Amino acid sequence: MSTSSTRESLDADMGRFIVIGDIHGCFEELEELIGRLQLRPDDRAFQVGDIINRGPDSSRCLELVRTTGIRCILGNHERRLLRYHRTGDRSLLKDYDLETIRVMTADDWRFLEDMPVFRYEESLGVLLVHAGFVPVGYAPWSNQPSEILTEIDVVDNQGRALKRTDAPGCPPWADLWKGPPYVIYGHIPRLDVYRKDWSLGIDTACVYGGKLTAVILPEGDLVQVPAREEYLRKTNLAAPAPQE
């Protein structure tokens, strides 16, 4: 699937620019977060992918973001389901995909099909992407393949995009990114946001008992909702950002 983006000419004086982290089927937390945000008609609200899977209610999460006008970036979970939907290749699927597919509606599939792989908000100098990109020694981020943009964790000493479980000790890509643009992303679950000079990771592990996080720009205020429960156990959450 080719990399795509939504580029719109937007007035910087419009309402708030809101970005929501990984949801993973946590409907009650999403509903509470939206209530706390009190979305207004002039707000621009986005979500950085992985709405579905692992948590209790993927379909209701998709319905809620559609009805509230939240626009979503493609995550690795959505990308995998789309590849299956287009090819019928069940070898692509993980066990928990099957339950999500069982409850997916035609509207859900259309919504996934329309997700861009990234969004560059020129008025703020902000890039939204699910996982990230290779920061140096590769093609510009806008030309990197969707597999990297939806799945990268770390970069090894040869400049390769890898999962952190496959390359222990290698730095997160965000540690190497010197900007611009400023990048907001999800994908790597941590118990708090991962804040660097030119990026902010907002997957705060809601499905693992953490929090669901939104950031409001340009101020950078965080709005967070604690998970109702630990829906799934994970013992190797990524480390927090070091104090700088």
Protein backbone atom coordinates (compact mmCIF):
# COMPACT_ATOMS: atom_id res chain seq x y z
CA MET A 1 0.00 0.00 0.00
CA SER A 2 1.46 3.32 -1.01
CA THR A 3 2.12 6.09 1.49
CA SER A 4 -0.54 8.77 1.39
CA SER A 5 -1.34 11.92 3.30
CA THR A 6 -4.07 14.42 3.74
CA ARG A 7 -2.80 17.90 3.02
CA GLU A 8 -5.33 20.64 3.56
CA SER A 9 -4.84 24.38 3.65
CA LEU A 10 -6.06 25.27 7.12
CA ASP A 11 -6.33 28.60 8.89
CA ALA A 12 -4.08 28.71 11.95
CA ASP A 13 -6.82 30.63 13.78
CA MET A 14 -9.22 27.69 13.69
CA GLY A 15 -10.12 25.71 16.81
CA ARG A 16 -8.01 23.29 18.77
CA PHE A 17 -5.87 20.60 17.15
CA ILE A 18 -6.35 17.43 19.20
CA VAL A 19 -4.46 14.15 18.86
CA ILE A 20 -5.53 10.92 20.61
CA GLY A 21 -3.26 7.96 21.26
CA ASP A 22 -3.70 4.22 20.72
CA ILE A 23 -7.17 3.00 21.77
CA HIS A 24 -7.08 -0.77 21.12
CA GLY A 25 -10.78 -1.34 21.61
CA CYS A 26 -11.05 0.48 24.95
CA PHE A 27 -14.48 1.98 24.33
CA GLU A 28 -15.37 3.21 27.81
CA GLU A 29 -12.08 5.07 28.15
CA LEU A 30 -12.50 6.62 24.69
CA GLU A 31 -16.02 7.71 25.50
CA GLU A 32 -14.85 9.34 28.74
CA LEU A 33 -11.91 11.03 27.00
CA ILE A 34 -14.17 12.51 24.33
CA GLY A 35 -16.46 13.77 27.07
CA ARG A 36 -13.57 15.44 28.86
CA LEU A 37 -12.34 17.04 25.64
CA GLN A 38 -15.77 18.59 25.00
CA LEU A 39 -15.19 18.67 21.24
CA ARG A 40 -16.35 21.85 19.52
CA PRO A 41 -17.39 22.27 15.87
CA ASP A 42 -14.19 24.15 14.99
CA ASP A 43 -11.84 21.56 16.58
CA ARG A 44 -9.72 19.28 14.41
CA ALA A 45 -9.46 15.92 16.15
CA PHE A 46 -7.22 13.05 15.03
CA GLN A 47 -6.21 9.64 16.34
CA VAL A 48 -2.84 8.03 15.61
CA GLY A 49 -3.97 4.50 14.77
CA ASP A 50 -4.52 1.13 16.47
CA ILE A 51 -8.12 1.85 17.35
CA ILE A 52 -8.84 -1.86 17.14
CA ASN A 53 -7.77 -5.21 18.65
CA ARG A 54 -6.76 -6.50 22.07
CA GLY A 55 -9.37 -4.50 24.03
CA PRO A 56 -13.04 -5.26 24.64
CA ASP A 57 -14.92 -3.34 21.92
CA SER A 58 -13.21 -2.47 18.64
CA SER A 59 -16.41 -1.98 16.62
CA ARG A 60 -17.94 0.51 19.07
CA CYS A 61 -14.68 2.46 19.09
CA LEU A 62 -14.76 2.73 15.31
CA GLU A 63 -18.39 3.82 15.39
CA LEU A 64 -17.66 6.45 18.04
CA VAL A 65 -14.76 8.07 16.18
CA ARG A 66 -16.85 8.15 12.99
CA THR A 67 -19.86 9.77 14.64
CA THR A 68 -17.73 12.36 16.46
CA GLY A 69 -15.81 13.30 13.31
CA ILE A 70 -12.41 12.16 14.58
CA ARG A 71 -10.06 11.42 11.70
CA CYS A 72 -7.66 8.53 12.06
CA ILE A 73 -4.16 7.59 10.93
CA LEU A 74 -3.47 4.03 9.79
CA GLY A 75 -1.91 1.82 12.47
CA ASN A 76 -0.22 -1.53 12.07
CA HIS A 77 -3.34 -3.33 13.34
CA GLU A 78 -5.57 -1.64 10.77
CA ARG A 79 -2.98 -2.20 8.06
CA ARG A 80 -2.81 -5.93 8.79
CA LEU A 81 -6.60 -6.33 8.69
CA LEU A 82 -6.79 -4.40 5.43
CA ARG A 83 -4.17 -6.64 3.85
CA TYR A 84 -6.25 -9.66 4.85
CA HIS A 85 -9.47 -8.00 3.62
CA ARG A 86 -7.92 -7.36 0.21
CA THR A 87 -6.20 -10.72 -0.23
CA GLY A 88 -8.09 -13.24 1.90
CA ASP A 89 -4.74 -14.50 3.21
CA ARG A 90 -5.50 -15.77 6.73
CA SER A 91 -1.80 -16.37 7.40
CA LEU A 92 -1.50 -12.61 7.91
CA LEU A 93 -3.78 -12.70 10.93
CA LYS A 94 -3.12 -13.01 14.63
CA ASP A 95 -5.54 -14.82 16.93
CA TYR A 96 -7.13 -11.64 18.29
CA ASP A 97 -7.75 -10.36 14.75
CA LEU A 98 -10.43 -13.01 14.30
CA GLU A 99 -12.72 -11.56 16.97
CA THR A 100 -12.33 -8.06 15.52
CA ILE A 101 -13.09 -9.26 12.00
CA ARG A 102 -16.20 -11.05 13.28
CA VAL A 103 -17.74 -7.77 14.47
CA MET A 104 -16.53 -5.48 11.66
CA THR A 105 -19.28 -3.84 9.61
CA ALA A 106 -19.14 -2.59 6.02
CA ASP A 107 -18.87 0.95 7.42
CA ASP A 108 -15.91 -0.14 9.57
CA TRP A 109 -14.04 -1.54 6.56
CA ARG A 110 -14.70 1.60 4.53
CA PHE A 111 -13.40 3.71 7.41
CA LEU A 112 -10.18 1.68 7.53
CA GLU A 113 -9.75 1.99 3.77
CA ASP A 114 -9.88 5.78 4.04
CA MET A 115 -7.18 6.10 6.72
CA PRO A 116 -4.06 7.97 5.53
CA VAL A 117 -0.64 6.67 6.53
CA PHE A 118 0.37 10.08 7.85
CA ARG A 119 -0.93 13.60 8.19
CA TYR A 120 1.24 16.69 7.95
CA GLU A 121 -0.35 19.76 9.49
CA GLU A 122 1.54 22.59 7.83
CA SER A 123 -0.05 25.35 9.90
CA LEU A 124 1.50 23.86 13.06
CA GLY A 125 4.56 22.15 11.61
CA VAL A 126 3.28 18.86 13.07
CA LEU A 127 3.39 15.38 11.58
CA LEU A 128 1.04 12.64 12.77
CA VAL A 129 2.11 9.06 12.12
CA HIS A 130 1.34 5.81 13.87
CA ALA A 131 4.82 4.42 14.57
CA GLY A 132 7.45 6.74 13.11
CA PHE A 133 10.14 6.56 10.44
CA VAL A 134 13.85 6.08 9.90
CA PRO A 135 15.20 9.50 10.91
CA VAL A 136 18.54 9.53 9.08
CA GLY A 137 20.20 7.80 6.15
CA TYR A 138 16.96 6.79 4.41
CA ALA A 139 14.38 8.38 2.14
CA PRO A 140 12.51 11.42 3.51
CA TRP A 141 9.72 10.43 5.89
CA SER A 142 7.10 11.27 3.27
CA ASN A 143 8.56 8.64 0.91
CA GLN A 144 9.07 5.81 3.39
CA PRO A 145 6.87 2.71 2.98
CA SER A 146 3.77 2.15 5.04
CA GLU A 147 5.37 -0.90 6.69
CA ILE A 148 7.97 1.37 8.31
CA LEU A 149 5.54 4.18 9.13
CA THR A 150 3.18 1.79 10.91
CA GLU A 151 5.65 -0.61 12.56
CA ILE A 152 9.05 0.91 13.37
CA ASP A 153 10.21 0.81 16.99
CA VAL A 154 13.99 1.24 16.94
CA VAL A 155 16.87 1.82 14.54
CA ASP A 156 19.99 -0.34 14.58
CA ASN A 157 23.55 0.79 13.81
CA GLN A 158 23.01 -0.01 10.14
CA GLY A 159 20.03 2.33 9.94
CA ARG A 160 17.44 -0.44 9.71
CA ALA A 161 13.92 -0.10 11.09
CA LEU A 162 13.29 -2.91 13.57
CA LYS A 163 11.00 -4.02 16.38
CA ARG A 164 12.53 -3.46 19.81
CA THR A 165 12.13 -7.16 20.65
CA ASP A 166 14.36 -7.99 17.67
CA ALA A 167 17.01 -5.40 18.51
CA PRO A 168 17.43 -5.03 22.29
CA GLY A 169 19.53 -2.05 23.20
CA CYS A 170 18.99 -0.15 19.95
CA PRO A 171 17.64 3.39 20.34
CA PRO A 172 14.03 4.35 19.63
CA TRP A 173 13.82 6.19 16.31
CA ALA A 174 12.55 9.29 18.14
CA ASP A 175 15.84 9.54 20.08
CA LEU A 176 17.60 10.17 16.76
CA TRP A 177 15.11 12.58 15.21
CA LYS A 178 16.28 16.22 15.25
CA GLY A 179 13.33 17.77 13.40
CA PRO A 180 11.54 19.55 11.95
CA PRO A 181 8.67 18.65 11.78
CA TYR A 182 7.47 17.95 15.29
CA VAL A 183 6.13 14.37 15.33
CA ILE A 184 3.24 12.97 17.36
CA TYR A 185 2.93 9.20 17.25
CA GLY A 186 1.72 6.11 19.12
CA HIS A 187 2.53 2.42 18.66
CA ILE A 188 5.05 1.84 21.48
CA PRO A 189 3.16 1.44 24.78
CA ARG A 190 4.62 3.21 27.80
CA LEU A 191 3.13 4.16 31.15
CA ASP A 192 3.60 7.84 30.33
CA VAL A 193 4.14 10.00 27.27
CA TYR A 194 7.58 9.83 25.63
CA ARG A 195 8.66 13.42 25.24
CA LYS A 196 11.67 14.49 23.19
CA ASP A 197 12.62 17.86 21.71
CA TRP A 198 11.02 17.07 18.33
CA SER A 199 8.49 14.36 19.10
CA LEU A 200 5.85 13.10 21.51
CA GLY A 201 4.84 9.46 21.89
CA ILE A 202 1.27 9.20 23.21
CA ASP A 203 0.60 5.46 23.44
CA THR A 204 0.23 5.30 27.20
CA ALA A 205 -0.77 1.63 27.35
CA CYS A 206 -4.50 1.95 28.00
CA VAL A 207 -5.24 -1.65 27.05
CA TYR A 208 -2.48 -2.79 29.44
CA GLY A 209 -3.98 -0.93 32.38
CA GLY A 210 -2.33 2.44 31.72
CA LYS A 211 -4.06 5.55 30.38
CA LEU A 212 -5.67 6.85 27.21
CA THR A 213 -4.01 10.13 26.28
CA ALA A 214 -4.88 13.13 24.13
CA VAL A 215 -2.69 16.17 23.49
CA ILE A 216 -4.17 19.56 22.60
CA LEU A 217 -2.17 21.89 20.38
CA PRO A 218 -0.74 24.44 20.17
CA GLU A 219 -0.53 24.59 23.99
CA GLY A 220 0.53 20.96 24.39
CA ASP A 221 -1.90 20.25 27.24
CA LEU A 222 -2.49 16.57 28.02
CA VAL A 223 -5.88 15.04 28.83
CA GLN A 224 -5.70 11.51 30.20
CA VAL A 225 -8.21 8.87 31.27
CA PRO A 226 -7.08 5.89 33.38
CA ALA A 227 -7.91 2.41 32.11
CA ARG A 228 -10.90 0.76 33.75
CA GLU A 229 -8.87 -2.42 34.09
CA GLU A 230 -5.85 -4.27 32.78
CA TYR A 231 -7.48 -5.85 29.73
CA LEU A 232 -4.27 -7.56 28.67
CA ARG A 233 -1.08 -8.34 30.57
CA LYS A 234 2.21 -7.03 29.19
CA THR A 235 5.41 -7.26 31.19
CA ASN A 236 7.84 -5.54 28.81
CA LEU A 237 6.45 -2.04 28.36
CA ALA A 238 8.99 0.31 26.82
CA ALA A 239 11.10 2.43 29.13
CA PRO A 240 10.12 6.05 29.77
CA ALA A 241 12.09 8.94 28.33
CA PRO A 242 15.20 9.82 30.34
CA GLN A 243 15.29 13.13 32.14
CA GLU A 244 17.00 15.75 29.98
